Amino acid sequence: MEELPVPQNIKISNITCDSFKICWDMEAQSKERITHYFIDLNKKENKNSNKFKHKDVPTKLVAKAVPLPMTVRGHWFLSPRTEYTVAVQTASKQTDGDYAVSEWSEIIEFCTAGTSIKSTSITPGEHGHHYDFTMFISVSPVAQEAQENRMLPSVKDNSGSHGSPISGKLEGIFFSCNTEFNTGKPPQDSPYGRLRFEVRADALFNPDTNLYFGDFYCMYTAYHYVILVLAPKGSRGDDFCKQRLPALDIGNNRFLTCNQDDEGGLVFHHAQDVILEVIYTEPVDLALGTVAEISGHQLMSLSTVNAKKDPSCKTCNISVGR
């Protein structure tokens, strides 16, 4: 099989505090075979610590092949005034789900800008940066959880932190509100089946809903997962969480917020630097949203079902390295 072209002469432009544009040159050979780009993005001090740089393992950011320059939003990795290294390889999705990839490009360095007016204006709290969103997307397999035109809660599995008060006990429906780092839209791929349920954010998250912090963990990766719980006030799930989980201010926290705009409508923002999994504790009527087939790929290898937390991580384990 003909090798894929290696990106050459990488150029970074339009740098902000949490985004940048990237482009490069490529030889014409096999260009039409490219389906994805893999972008290896690291803080400068960690540029020699990447243990995954070989042809068989996709690294941190995976993007569909789009016309260059491509915008990279700092969904998981970018912080203001921080130096980064970046390298790129081209990839071709195979029929068996694996990728054929090129060699890595040269490594280049750049520094993000300070906090911009735009990102400050949409941050309701003082911590981190947030992106706006309008939809929750079901993480639970729709076909398995839907009965009588409703998605029904099921008991949370044992993924995440050992000894979590919600694992194996709290009943709920898993949703996501994350957006793709290079488009700002809901992900086209899914680890949880070909069908998913999309529902307006205000149907689940509003002033009549309480928000709780559930868990913080990683799975031997550079990025982290945060589990939040949404429970209608006075519900059975709300009573469960009040006794076991820290409550969050829905209008001012670093993960997920709901606020009123100047016209009285609700606006929603999610954190850019973690992957959020949201558990809604009550049944959800399918008439509130739409069920559709994903337009991308089913990535079963990315599923967090019963995934175990990395016990050696110094970020999400309090006792490690302290």
C-alpha atoms as a PDB file:
ATOM      1  CA  MET A   1       0.000   0.000   0.000  1.00  0.00           C
ATOM      2  CA  GLU A   2       1.295   3.435  -0.932  1.00  0.00           C
ATOM      3  CA  GLU A   3       2.402   5.490   2.066  1.00  0.00           C
ATOM      4  CA  LEU A   4       0.403   8.547   3.094  1.00  0.00           C
ATOM      5  CA  PRO A   5       2.031  11.974   2.647  1.00  0.00           C
ATOM      6  CA  VAL A   6       3.793  13.496   5.644  1.00  0.00           C
ATOM      7  CA  PRO A   7       2.730  17.097   6.475  1.00  0.00           C
ATOM      8  CA  GLN A   8       5.508  19.581   5.652  1.00  0.00           C
ATOM      9  CA  ASN A   9       6.116  23.265   6.487  1.00  0.00           C
ATOM     10  CA  ILE A  10       3.553  23.482   9.267  1.00  0.00           C
ATOM     11  CA  LYS A  11       2.279  27.006   9.879  1.00  0.00           C
ATOM     12  CA  ILE A  12       0.314  28.282  12.896  1.00  0.00           C
ATOM     13  CA  SER A  13      -1.784  31.463  12.604  1.00  0.00           C
ATOM     14  CA  ASN A  14      -4.738  33.339  14.129  1.00  0.00           C
ATOM     15  CA  ILE A  15      -3.642  32.378  17.643  1.00  0.00           C
ATOM     16  CA  THR A  16      -5.983  33.285  20.527  1.00  0.00           C
ATOM     17  CA  CYS A  17      -6.060  32.222  24.157  1.00  0.00           C
ATOM     18  CA  ASP A  18      -7.917  29.001  23.309  1.00  0.00           C
ATOM     19  CA  SER A  19      -7.699  28.433  19.546  1.00  0.00           C
ATOM     20  CA  PHE A  20      -5.420  28.582  16.535  1.00  0.00           C
ATOM     21  CA  LYS A  21      -5.376  27.811  12.820  1.00  0.00           C
ATOM     22  CA  ILE A  22      -2.987  25.242  11.391  1.00  0.00           C
ATOM     23  CA  CYS A  23      -2.017  24.410   7.820  1.00  0.00           C
ATOM     24  CA  TRP A  24       0.737  22.522   6.049  1.00  0.00           C
ATOM     25  CA  ASP A  25       1.961  21.371   2.655  1.00  0.00           C
ATOM     26  CA  MET A  26       1.566  17.815   1.382  1.00  0.00           C
ATOM     27  CA  GLU A  27       2.769  15.857  -1.595  1.00  0.00           C
ATOM     28  CA  ALA A  28      -0.006  15.097  -4.059  1.00  0.00           C
ATOM     29  CA  GLN A  29       0.535  11.338  -3.849  1.00  0.00           C
ATOM     30  CA  SER A  30      -2.238   9.492  -2.001  1.00  0.00           C
ATOM     31  CA  LYS A  31      -3.768  12.789  -0.917  1.00  0.00           C
ATOM     32  CA  GLU A  32      -7.222  11.594  -1.887  1.00  0.00           C
ATOM     33  CA  ARG A  33      -6.910   8.687   0.583  1.00  0.00           C
ATOM     34  CA  ILE A  34      -6.652  10.958   3.620  1.00  0.00           C
ATOM     35  CA  THR A  35      -9.746  10.821   5.826  1.00  0.00           C
ATOM     36  CA  HIS A  36      -8.393  12.194   9.126  1.00  0.00           C
ATOM     37  CA  TYR A  37      -5.618  14.253  10.694  1.00  0.00           C
ATOM     38  CA  PHE A  38      -3.960  13.328  13.994  1.00  0.00           C
ATOM     39  CA  ILE A  39      -2.646  16.330  15.913  1.00  0.00           C
ATOM     40  CA  ASP A  40      -0.194  15.761  18.753  1.00  0.00           C
ATOM     41  CA  LEU A  41      -0.456  18.785  21.029  1.00  0.00           C
ATOM     42  CA  ASN A  42       1.600  19.059  24.214  1.00  0.00           C
ATOM     43  CA  LYS A  43       2.647  21.720  26.646  1.00  0.00           C
ATOM     44  CA  LYS A  44       6.238  22.576  25.807  1.00  0.00           C
ATOM     45  CA  GLU A  45       7.736  21.188  28.993  1.00  0.00           C
ATOM     46  CA  ASN A  46       6.216  17.778  28.201  1.00  0.00           C
ATOM     47  CA  LYS A  47       7.307  17.516  24.572  1.00  0.00           C
ATOM     48  CA  ASN A  48       9.635  14.579  25.245  1.00  0.00           C
ATOM     49  CA  SER A  49       7.224  12.642  27.460  1.00  0.00           C
ATOM     50  CA  ASN A  50       4.803  11.353  24.842  1.00  0.00           C
ATOM     51  CA  LYS A  51       4.978   7.557  24.983  1.00  0.00           C
ATOM     52  CA  PHE A  52       2.486   7.036  22.167  1.00  0.00           C
ATOM     53  CA  LYS A  53       4.419   8.409  19.191  1.00  0.00           C
ATOM     54  CA  HIS A  54       4.514   5.461  16.865  1.00  0.00           C
ATOM     55  CA  LYS A  55       2.498   4.536  13.830  1.00  0.00           C
ATOM     56  CA  ASP A  56       0.009   2.210  15.528  1.00  0.00           C
ATOM     57  CA  VAL A  57      -1.526   4.541  18.134  1.00  0.00           C
ATOM     58  CA  PRO A  58      -3.563   7.662  17.313  1.00  0.00           C
ATOM     59  CA  THR A  59      -2.611  10.495  19.642  1.00  0.00           C
ATOM     60  CA  LYS A  60      -4.556  13.222  21.317  1.00  0.00           C
ATOM     61  CA  LEU A  61      -6.618  15.072  18.731  1.00  0.00           C
ATOM     62  CA  VAL A  62      -8.386  13.324  15.873  1.00  0.00           C
ATOM     63  CA  ALA A  63     -10.067  15.500  13.232  1.00  0.00           C
ATOM     64  CA  LYS A  64     -11.791  14.681   9.996  1.00  0.00           C
ATOM     65  CA  ALA A  65      -9.833  15.820   6.946  1.00  0.00           C
ATOM     66  CA  VAL A  66     -11.175  19.288   6.190  1.00  0.00           C
ATOM     67  CA  PRO A  67      -9.835  22.020   3.899  1.00  0.00           C
ATOM     68  CA  LEU A  68      -6.788  23.790   5.317  1.00  0.00           C
ATOM     69  CA  PRO A  69      -6.193  25.927   7.269  1.00  0.00           C
ATOM     70  CA  MET A  70      -8.064  24.087   9.999  1.00  0.00           C
ATOM     71  CA  THR A  71      -9.222  25.780  13.184  1.00  0.00           C
ATOM     72  CA  VAL A  72      -8.319  23.987  16.410  1.00  0.00           C
ATOM     73  CA  ARG A  73     -10.302  25.051  19.444  1.00  0.00           C
ATOM     74  CA  GLY A  74      -8.802  24.304  22.837  1.00  0.00           C
ATOM     75  CA  HIS A  75     -11.498  21.889  23.900  1.00  0.00           C
ATOM     76  CA  TRP A  76      -9.151  19.796  26.076  1.00  0.00           C
ATOM     77  CA  PHE A  77      -5.642  21.192  25.890  1.00  0.00           C
ATOM     78  CA  LEU A  78      -5.219  24.936  25.377  1.00  0.00           C
ATOM     79  CA  SER A  79      -4.668  27.490  28.126  1.00  0.00           C
ATOM     80  CA  PRO A  80      -3.858  31.219  27.787  1.00  0.00           C
ATOM     81  CA  ARG A  81      -0.233  32.392  27.647  1.00  0.00           C
ATOM     82  CA  THR A  82       1.116  28.831  27.424  1.00  0.00           C
ATOM     83  CA  GLU A  83       3.823  27.401  25.166  1.00  0.00           C
ATOM     84  CA  TYR A  84       2.929  24.273  23.182  1.00  0.00           C
ATOM     85  CA  THR A  85       4.513  21.865  20.728  1.00  0.00           C
ATOM     86  CA  VAL A  86       2.511  20.429  17.861  1.00  0.00           C
ATOM     87  CA  ALA A  87       3.089  17.697  15.273  1.00  0.00           C
ATOM     88  CA  VAL A  88       0.732  16.259  12.660  1.00  0.00           C
ATOM     89  CA  GLN A  89       0.243  13.043  10.763  1.00  0.00           C
ATOM     90  CA  THR A  90      -2.255  12.139   8.062  1.00  0.00           C
ATOM     91  CA  ALA A  91      -4.491   9.089   8.393  1.00  0.00           C
ATOM     92  CA  SER A  92      -6.802   6.937   6.330  1.00  0.00           C
ATOM     93  CA  LYS A  93      -9.754   5.154   7.953  1.00  0.00           C
ATOM     94  CA  GLN A  94      -9.785   1.463   6.973  1.00  0.00           C
ATOM     95  CA  THR A  95     -12.803  -0.795   6.500  1.00  0.00           C
ATOM     96  CA  ASP A  96     -11.991  -2.664   9.719  1.00  0.00           C
ATOM     97  CA  GLY A  97     -12.046   0.570  11.738  1.00  0.00           C
ATOM     98  CA  ASP A  98      -8.287   0.883  12.136  1.00  0.00           C
ATOM     99  CA  TYR A  99      -6.198   3.707  10.682  1.00  0.00           C
ATOM    100  CA  ALA A 100      -3.316   3.715   8.253  1.00  0.00           C
ATOM    101  CA  VAL A 101      -1.132   6.683   9.177  1.00  0.00           C
ATOM    102  CA  SER A 102       1.817   8.641   7.848  1.00  0.00           C
ATOM    103  CA  GLU A 103       5.026   9.378   9.690  1.00  0.00           C
ATOM    104  CA  TRP A 104       4.884  12.285  12.110  1.00  0.00           C
ATOM    105  CA  SER A 105       5.718  15.736  10.834  1.00  0.00           C
ATOM    106  CA  GLU A 106       8.392  17.920  12.350  1.00  0.00           C
ATOM    107  CA  ILE A 107       7.586  19.362  15.787  1.00  0.00           C
ATOM    108  CA  ILE A 108       7.005  23.092  15.943  1.00  0.00           C
ATOM    109  CA  GLU A 109       6.376  25.427  18.870  1.00  0.00           C
ATOM    110  CA  PHE A 110       3.914  28.259  19.498  1.00  0.00           C
ATOM    111  CA  CYS A 111       2.467  30.226  22.407  1.00  0.00           C
ATOM    112  CA  THR A 112      -1.208  30.978  23.001  1.00  0.00           C
ATOM    113  CA  ALA A 113      -2.398  34.547  23.568  1.00  0.00           C
ATOM    114  CA  GLY A 114      -3.771  36.078  26.747  1.00  0.00           C
ATOM    115  CA  THR A 115      -7.467  35.927  27.622  1.00  0.00           C
ATOM    116  CA  SER A 116      -9.525  37.468  24.852  1.00  0.00           C
ATOM    117  CA  ILE A 117     -12.602  39.675  25.178  1.00  0.00           C
ATOM    118  CA  LYS A 118     -14.703  37.022  23.484  1.00  0.00           C
ATOM    119  CA  SER A 119     -13.820  34.223  25.863  1.00  0.00           C
ATOM    120  CA  THR A 120     -14.176  36.453  28.918  1.00  0.00           C
ATOM    121  CA  SER A 121     -17.631  37.592  27.891  1.00  0.00           C
ATOM    122  CA  ILE A 122     -19.046  34.061  27.829  1.00  0.00           C
ATOM    123  CA  THR A 123     -17.485  32.896  31.081  1.00  0.00           C
ATOM    124  CA  PRO A 124     -19.991  33.236  33.911  1.00  0.00           C
ATOM    125  CA  GLY A 125     -17.481  32.255  36.594  1.00  0.00           C
ATOM    126  CA  GLU A 126     -13.891  33.153  37.200  1.00  0.00           C
ATOM    127  CA  HIS A 127     -12.374  29.724  36.487  1.00  0.00           C
ATOM    128  CA  GLY A 128     -11.323  28.538  33.050  1.00  0.00           C
ATOM    129  CA  HIS A 129     -13.041  29.114  29.717  1.00  0.00           C
ATOM    130  CA  HIS A 130     -16.403  27.868  28.538  1.00  0.00           C
ATOM    131  CA  TYR A 131     -18.058  27.132  25.187  1.00  0.00           C
ATOM    132  CA  ASP A 132     -21.737  27.609  24.531  1.00  0.00           C
ATOM    133  CA  PHE A 133     -24.027  24.703  23.626  1.00  0.00           C
ATOM    134  CA  THR A 134     -27.730  24.158  22.971  1.00  0.00           C
ATOM    135  CA  MET A 135     -28.232  20.376  22.981  1.00  0.00           C
ATOM    136  CA  PHE A 136     -27.681  17.399  25.238  1.00  0.00           C
ATOM    137  CA  ILE A 137     -26.852  14.156  23.381  1.00  0.00           C
ATOM    138  CA  SER A 138     -27.616  10.752  24.864  1.00  0.00           C
ATOM    139  CA  VAL A 139     -24.610   8.631  25.780  1.00  0.00           C
ATOM    140  CA  SER A 140     -26.805   5.692  26.832  1.00  0.00           C
ATOM    141  CA  PRO A 141     -27.677   3.393  23.893  1.00  0.00           C
ATOM    142  CA  VAL A 142     -31.108   4.613  22.766  1.00  0.00           C
ATOM    143  CA  ALA A 143     -32.467   1.241  21.663  1.00  0.00           C
ATOM    144  CA  GLN A 144     -31.648  -0.370  25.007  1.00  0.00           C
ATOM    145  CA  GLU A 145     -32.941   2.401  27.261  1.00  0.00           C
ATOM    146  CA  ALA A 146     -36.129   3.488  25.459  1.00  0.00           C
ATOM    147  CA  GLN A 147     -39.488   2.034  26.522  1.00  0.00           C
ATOM    148  CA  GLU A 148     -42.988   3.386  25.816  1.00  0.00           C
ATOM    149  CA  ASN A 149     -41.450   6.382  24.010  1.00  0.00           C
ATOM    150  CA  ARG A 150     -39.363   7.293  27.027  1.00  0.00           C
ATOM    151  CA  MET A 151     -35.705   6.884  27.917  1.00  0.00           C
ATOM    152  CA  LEU A 152     -35.625   5.291  31.352  1.00  0.00           C
ATOM    153  CA  PRO A 153     -32.913   5.654  34.027  1.00  0.00           C
ATOM    154  CA  SER A 154     -30.586   2.724  34.679  1.00  0.00           C
ATOM    155  CA  VAL A 155     -28.056   2.111  37.441  1.00  0.00           C
ATOM    156  CA  LYS A 156     -24.685   3.760  36.830  1.00  0.00           C
ATOM    157  CA  ASP A 157     -21.872   1.306  36.123  1.00  0.00           C
ATOM    158  CA  ASN A 158     -18.573   1.092  38.022  1.00  0.00           C
ATOM    159  CA  SER A 159     -16.557   3.420  35.787  1.00  0.00           C
ATOM    160  CA  GLY A 160     -14.569   6.248  37.332  1.00  0.00           C
ATOM    161  CA  SER A 161     -13.202   6.595  40.833  1.00  0.00           C
ATOM    162  CA  HIS A 162     -13.067   3.622  43.160  1.00  0.00           C
ATOM    163  CA  GLY A 163     -15.576   4.046  45.993  1.00  0.00           C
ATOM    164  CA  SER A 164     -17.648   6.667  44.194  1.00  0.00           C
ATOM    165  CA  PRO A 165     -20.984   7.150  46.033  1.00  0.00           C
ATOM    166  CA  ILE A 166     -22.905   7.031  42.737  1.00  0.00           C
ATOM    167  CA  SER A 167     -21.357   3.948  41.078  1.00  0.00           C
ATOM    168  CA  GLY A 168     -23.742   0.998  41.209  1.00  0.00           C
ATOM    169  CA  LYS A 169     -26.292   3.081  43.103  1.00  0.00           C
ATOM    170  CA  LEU A 170     -27.523   6.176  41.291  1.00  0.00           C
ATOM    171  CA  GLU A 171     -30.086   5.653  38.537  1.00  0.00           C
ATOM    172  CA  GLY A 172     -29.961   7.998  35.582  1.00  0.00           C
ATOM    173  CA  ILE A 173     -29.549   8.551  31.852  1.00  0.00           C
ATOM    174  CA  PHE A 174     -26.116   9.515  30.539  1.00  0.00           C
ATOM    175  CA  PHE A 175     -25.852  12.582  28.315  1.00  0.00           C
ATOM    176  CA  SER A 176     -23.018  14.592  26.795  1.00  0.00           C
ATOM    177  CA  CYS A 177     -22.859  18.270  25.864  1.00  0.00           C
ATOM    178  CA  ASN A 178     -19.309  18.389  24.501  1.00  0.00           C
ATOM    179  CA  THR A 179     -18.572  19.928  21.128  1.00  0.00           C
ATOM    180  CA  GLU A 180     -15.916  18.988  18.563  1.00  0.00           C
ATOM    181  CA  PHE A 181     -12.709  20.932  19.061  1.00  0.00           C
ATOM    182  CA  ASN A 182     -12.418  22.005  15.424  1.00  0.00           C
ATOM    183  CA  THR A 183     -16.088  22.736  14.562  1.00  0.00           C
ATOM    184  CA  GLY A 184     -17.838  23.773  17.780  1.00  0.00           C
ATOM    185  CA  LYS A 185     -20.653  21.348  16.920  1.00  0.00           C
ATOM    186  CA  PRO A 186     -21.746  18.065  18.579  1.00  0.00           C
ATOM    187  CA  PRO A 187     -19.418  15.152  17.741  1.00  0.00           C
ATOM    188  CA  GLN A 188     -20.199  13.198  14.582  1.00  0.00           C
ATOM    189  CA  ASP A 189     -18.664  10.007  15.999  1.00  0.00           C
ATOM    190  CA  SER A 190     -19.962   8.038  18.976  1.00  0.00           C
ATOM    191  CA  PRO A 191     -18.696   5.131  21.100  1.00  0.00           C
ATOM    192  CA  TYR A 192     -22.257   4.164  22.057  1.00  0.00           C
ATOM    193  CA  GLY A 193     -24.049   2.878  18.974  1.00  0.00           C
ATOM    194  CA  ARG A 194     -25.348   4.209  15.673  1.00  0.00           C
ATOM    195  CA  LEU A 195     -28.440   5.896  17.163  1.00  0.00           C
ATOM    196  CA  ARG A 196     -28.516   8.766  19.607  1.00  0.00           C
ATOM    197  CA  PHE A 197     -31.104  11.049  21.136  1.00  0.00           C
ATOM    198  CA  GLU A 198     -30.691  14.834  20.966  1.00  0.00           C
ATOM    199  CA  VAL A 199     -32.690  17.103  23.267  1.00  0.00           C
ATOM    200  CA  ARG A 200     -32.679  20.851  23.854  1.00  0.00           C
ATOM    201  CA  ALA A 201     -30.570  21.827  26.836  1.00  0.00           C
ATOM    202  CA  ASP A 202     -33.390  23.747  28.523  1.00  0.00           C
ATOM    203  CA  ALA A 203     -35.557  20.607  28.644  1.00  0.00           C
ATOM    204  CA  LEU A 204     -33.154  19.039  31.156  1.00  0.00           C
ATOM    205  CA  PHE A 205     -31.192  21.966  32.607  1.00  0.00           C
ATOM    206  CA  ASN A 206     -33.087  24.973  33.958  1.00  0.00           C
ATOM    207  CA  PRO A 207     -33.728  26.857  37.232  1.00  0.00           C
ATOM    208  CA  ASP A 208     -35.949  23.975  38.420  1.00  0.00           C
ATOM    209  CA  THR A 209     -32.972  21.602  38.227  1.00  0.00           C
ATOM    210  CA  ASN A 210     -30.246  21.022  40.800  1.00  0.00           C
ATOM    211  CA  LEU A 211     -26.678  20.320  39.653  1.00  0.00           C
ATOM    212  CA  TYR A 212     -24.225  18.092  41.557  1.00  0.00           C
ATOM    213  CA  PHE A 213     -20.545  17.158  41.171  1.00  0.00           C
ATOM    214  CA  GLY A 214     -20.232  13.386  40.749  1.00  0.00           C
ATOM    215  CA  ASP A 215     -16.670  12.379  39.815  1.00  0.00           C
ATOM    216  CA  PHE A 216     -13.335  13.415  38.275  1.00  0.00           C
ATOM    217  CA  TYR A 217     -11.103  10.819  36.634  1.00  0.00           C
ATOM    218  CA  CYS A 218      -8.936   9.833  33.662  1.00  0.00           C
ATOM    219  CA  MET A 219      -8.201   6.564  31.874  1.00  0.00           C
ATOM    220  CA  TYR A 220      -4.414   6.753  31.343  1.00  0.00           C
ATOM    221  CA  THR A 221      -4.954   9.757  29.054  1.00  0.00           C
ATOM    222  CA  ALA A 222      -3.886  13.399  29.052  1.00  0.00           C
ATOM    223  CA  TYR A 223      -7.482  14.560  29.272  1.00  0.00           C
ATOM    224  CA  HIS A 224      -9.934  14.085  32.143  1.00  0.00           C
ATOM    225  CA  TYR A 225     -13.589  13.228  32.563  1.00  0.00           C
ATOM    226  CA  VAL A 226     -16.010  15.001  34.900  1.00  0.00           C
ATOM    227  CA  ILE A 227     -19.342  13.434  35.835  1.00  0.00           C
ATOM    228  CA  LEU A 228     -22.125  15.824  36.795  1.00  0.00           C
ATOM    229  CA  VAL A 229     -25.650  14.962  37.928  1.00  0.00           C
ATOM    230  CA  LEU A 230     -28.774  16.897  36.899  1.00  0.00           C
ATOM    231  CA  ALA A 231     -31.782  16.239  39.143  1.00  0.00           C
ATOM    232  CA  PRO A 232     -35.173  18.003  39.025  1.00  0.00           C
ATOM    233  CA  LYS A 233     -35.768  19.685  42.376  1.00  0.00           C
ATOM    234  CA  GLY A 234     -37.637  17.445  44.808  1.00  0.00           C
ATOM    235  CA  SER A 235     -37.201  14.312  42.687  1.00  0.00           C
ATOM    236  CA  ARG A 236     -36.025  10.967  44.016  1.00  0.00           C
ATOM    237  CA  GLY A 237     -32.668  11.504  42.339  1.00  0.00           C
ATOM    238  CA  ASP A 238     -32.399  14.943  43.923  1.00  0.00           C
ATOM    239  CA  ASP A 239     -32.961  13.461  47.391  1.00  0.00           C
ATOM    240  CA  PHE A 240     -30.278  10.834  46.712  1.00  0.00           C
ATOM    241  CA  CYS A 241     -27.722  13.429  45.600  1.00  0.00           C
ATOM    242  CA  LYS A 242     -28.390  15.883  48.432  1.00  0.00           C
ATOM    243  CA  GLN A 243     -27.141  13.305  50.908  1.00  0.00           C
ATOM    244  CA  ARG A 244     -24.046  12.251  48.980  1.00  0.00           C
ATOM    245  CA  LEU A 245     -22.751  14.837  46.477  1.00  0.00           C
ATOM    246  CA  PRO A 246     -21.558  18.475  46.533  1.00  0.00           C
ATOM    247  CA  ALA A 247     -24.155  20.818  45.015  1.00  0.00           C
ATOM    248  CA  LEU A 248     -23.008  23.320  42.355  1.00  0.00           C
ATOM    249  CA  ASP A 249     -24.381  26.786  41.580  1.00  0.00           C
ATOM    250  CA  ILE A 250     -26.012  26.326  38.164  1.00  0.00           C
ATOM    251  CA  GLY A 251     -25.101  29.875  37.166  1.00  0.00           C
ATOM    252  CA  ASN A 252     -21.515  29.979  38.405  1.00  0.00           C
ATOM    253  CA  ASN A 253     -19.284  26.904  38.412  1.00  0.00           C
ATOM    254  CA  ARG A 254     -16.341  25.787  36.318  1.00  0.00           C
ATOM    255  CA  PHE A 255     -18.024  22.886  34.512  1.00  0.00           C
ATOM    256  CA  LEU A 256     -21.587  23.498  33.278  1.00  0.00           C
ATOM    257  CA  THR A 257     -23.710  26.646  33.606  1.00  0.00           C
ATOM    258  CA  CYS A 258     -27.219  27.876  32.903  1.00  0.00           C
ATOM    259  CA  ASN A 259     -27.926  31.630  32.928  1.00  0.00           C
ATOM    260  CA  GLN A 260     -30.508  34.068  31.624  1.00  0.00           C
ATOM    261  CA  ASP A 261     -29.608  36.393  28.768  1.00  0.00           C
ATOM    262  CA  ASP A 262     -30.806  39.995  28.410  1.00  0.00           C
ATOM    263  CA  GLU A 263     -34.037  38.850  26.780  1.00  0.00           C
ATOM    264  CA  GLY A 264     -34.897  36.350  29.499  1.00  0.00           C
ATOM    265  CA  GLY A 265     -33.884  33.235  27.554  1.00  0.00           C
ATOM    266  CA  LEU A 266     -31.562  30.570  28.910  1.00  0.00           C
ATOM    267  CA  VAL A 267     -27.971  30.270  27.692  1.00  0.00           C
ATOM    268  CA  PHE A 268     -25.684  27.338  28.422  1.00  0.00           C
ATOM    269  CA  HIS A 269     -21.914  26.926  28.583  1.00  0.00           C
ATOM    270  CA  HIS A 270     -19.639  23.920  29.147  1.00  0.00           C
ATOM    271  CA  ALA A 271     -15.986  23.740  30.189  1.00  0.00           C
ATOM    272  CA  GLN A 272     -13.460  23.429  27.372  1.00  0.00           C
ATOM    273  CA  ASP A 273     -10.720  21.507  29.161  1.00  0.00           C
ATOM    274  CA  VAL A 274     -12.520  18.339  30.317  1.00  0.00           C
ATOM    275  CA  ILE A 275     -14.924  15.786  28.846  1.00  0.00           C
ATOM    276  CA  LEU A 276     -18.283  16.153  30.570  1.00  0.00           C
ATOM    277  CA  GLU A 277     -20.630  13.249  31.206  1.00  0.00           C
ATOM    278  CA  VAL A 278     -24.002  14.341  32.580  1.00  0.00           C
ATOM    279  CA  ILE A 279     -26.401  12.009  34.381  1.00  0.00           C
ATOM    280  CA  TYR A 280     -30.079  13.022  34.323  1.00  0.00           C
ATOM    281  CA  THR A 281     -31.914  11.211  37.097  1.00  0.00           C
ATOM    282  CA  GLU A 282     -35.459  11.020  35.685  1.00  0.00           C
ATOM    283  CA  PRO A 283     -37.157   9.470  32.610  1.00  0.00           C
ATOM    284  CA  VAL A 284     -37.031  11.590  29.444  1.00  0.00           C
ATOM    285  CA  ASP A 285     -39.878  11.699  26.932  1.00  0.00           C
ATOM    286  CA  LEU A 286     -38.539  11.025  23.431  1.00  0.00           C
ATOM    287  CA  ALA A 287     -41.049  13.589  22.106  1.00  0.00           C
ATOM    288  CA  LEU A 288     -38.853  16.308  23.666  1.00  0.00           C
ATOM    289  CA  GLY A 289     -36.088  15.659  21.137  1.00  0.00           C
ATOM    290  CA  THR A 290     -35.095  13.638  18.099  1.00  0.00           C
ATOM    291  CA  VAL A 291     -33.572  10.215  17.538  1.00  0.00           C
ATOM    292  CA  ALA A 292     -31.152  10.082  14.629  1.00  0.00           C
ATOM    293  CA  GLU A 293     -28.292   8.003  13.279  1.00  0.00           C
ATOM    294  CA  ILE A 294     -24.826   9.436  13.804  1.00  0.00           C
ATOM    295  CA  SER A 295     -23.145  10.803  10.679  1.00  0.00           C
ATOM    296  CA  GLY A 296     -19.689   9.642  11.715  1.00  0.00           C
ATOM    297  CA  HIS A 297     -18.148   6.428  13.001  1.00  0.00           C
ATOM    298  CA  GLN A 298     -19.004   4.164  15.908  1.00  0.00           C
ATOM    299  CA  LEU A 299     -15.853   4.271  18.045  1.00  0.00           C
ATOM    300  CA  MET A 300     -16.357   1.445  20.522  1.00  0.00           C
ATOM    301  CA  SER A 301     -12.743   1.738  21.735  1.00  0.00           C
ATOM    302  CA  LEU A 302     -13.556   5.137  23.279  1.00  0.00           C
ATOM    303  CA  SER A 303     -16.412   3.883  25.438  1.00  0.00           C
ATOM    304  CA  THR A 304     -16.148   4.632  29.180  1.00  0.00           C
ATOM    305  CA  VAL A 305     -18.458   1.770  30.207  1.00  0.00           C
ATOM    306  CA  ASN A 306     -16.951   0.245  33.379  1.00  0.00           C
ATOM    307  CA  ALA A 307     -13.686   2.085  32.597  1.00  0.00           C
ATOM    308  CA  LYS A 308     -11.211   2.167  35.473  1.00  0.00           C
ATOM    309  CA  LYS A 309      -9.504   5.283  36.760  1.00  0.00           C
ATOM    310  CA  ASP A 310      -5.745   5.695  36.382  1.00  0.00           C
ATOM    311  CA  PRO A 311      -4.481   5.300  39.987  1.00  0.00           C
ATOM    312  CA  SER A 312      -1.125   6.921  39.178  1.00  0.00           C
ATOM    313  CA  CYS A 313      -2.431  10.261  37.841  1.00  0.00           C
ATOM    314  CA  LYS A 314      -1.264  13.211  39.953  1.00  0.00           C
ATOM    315  CA  THR A 315      -4.132  15.384  38.765  1.00  0.00           C
ATOM    316  CA  CYS A 316      -7.201  13.340  39.701  1.00  0.00           C
ATOM    317  CA  ASN A 317      -5.791  11.346  42.657  1.00  0.00           C
ATOM    318  CA  ILE A 318      -5.378  13.406  45.805  1.00  0.00           C
ATOM    319  CA  SER A 319      -2.747  11.221  47.451  1.00  0.00           C
ATOM    320  CA  VAL A 320      -0.425  10.672  44.463  1.00  0.00           C
ATOM    321  CA  GLY A 321       2.723  12.766  44.553  1.00  0.00           C
ATOM    322  CA  ARG A 322       1.605  14.801  47.541  1.00  0.00           C
END
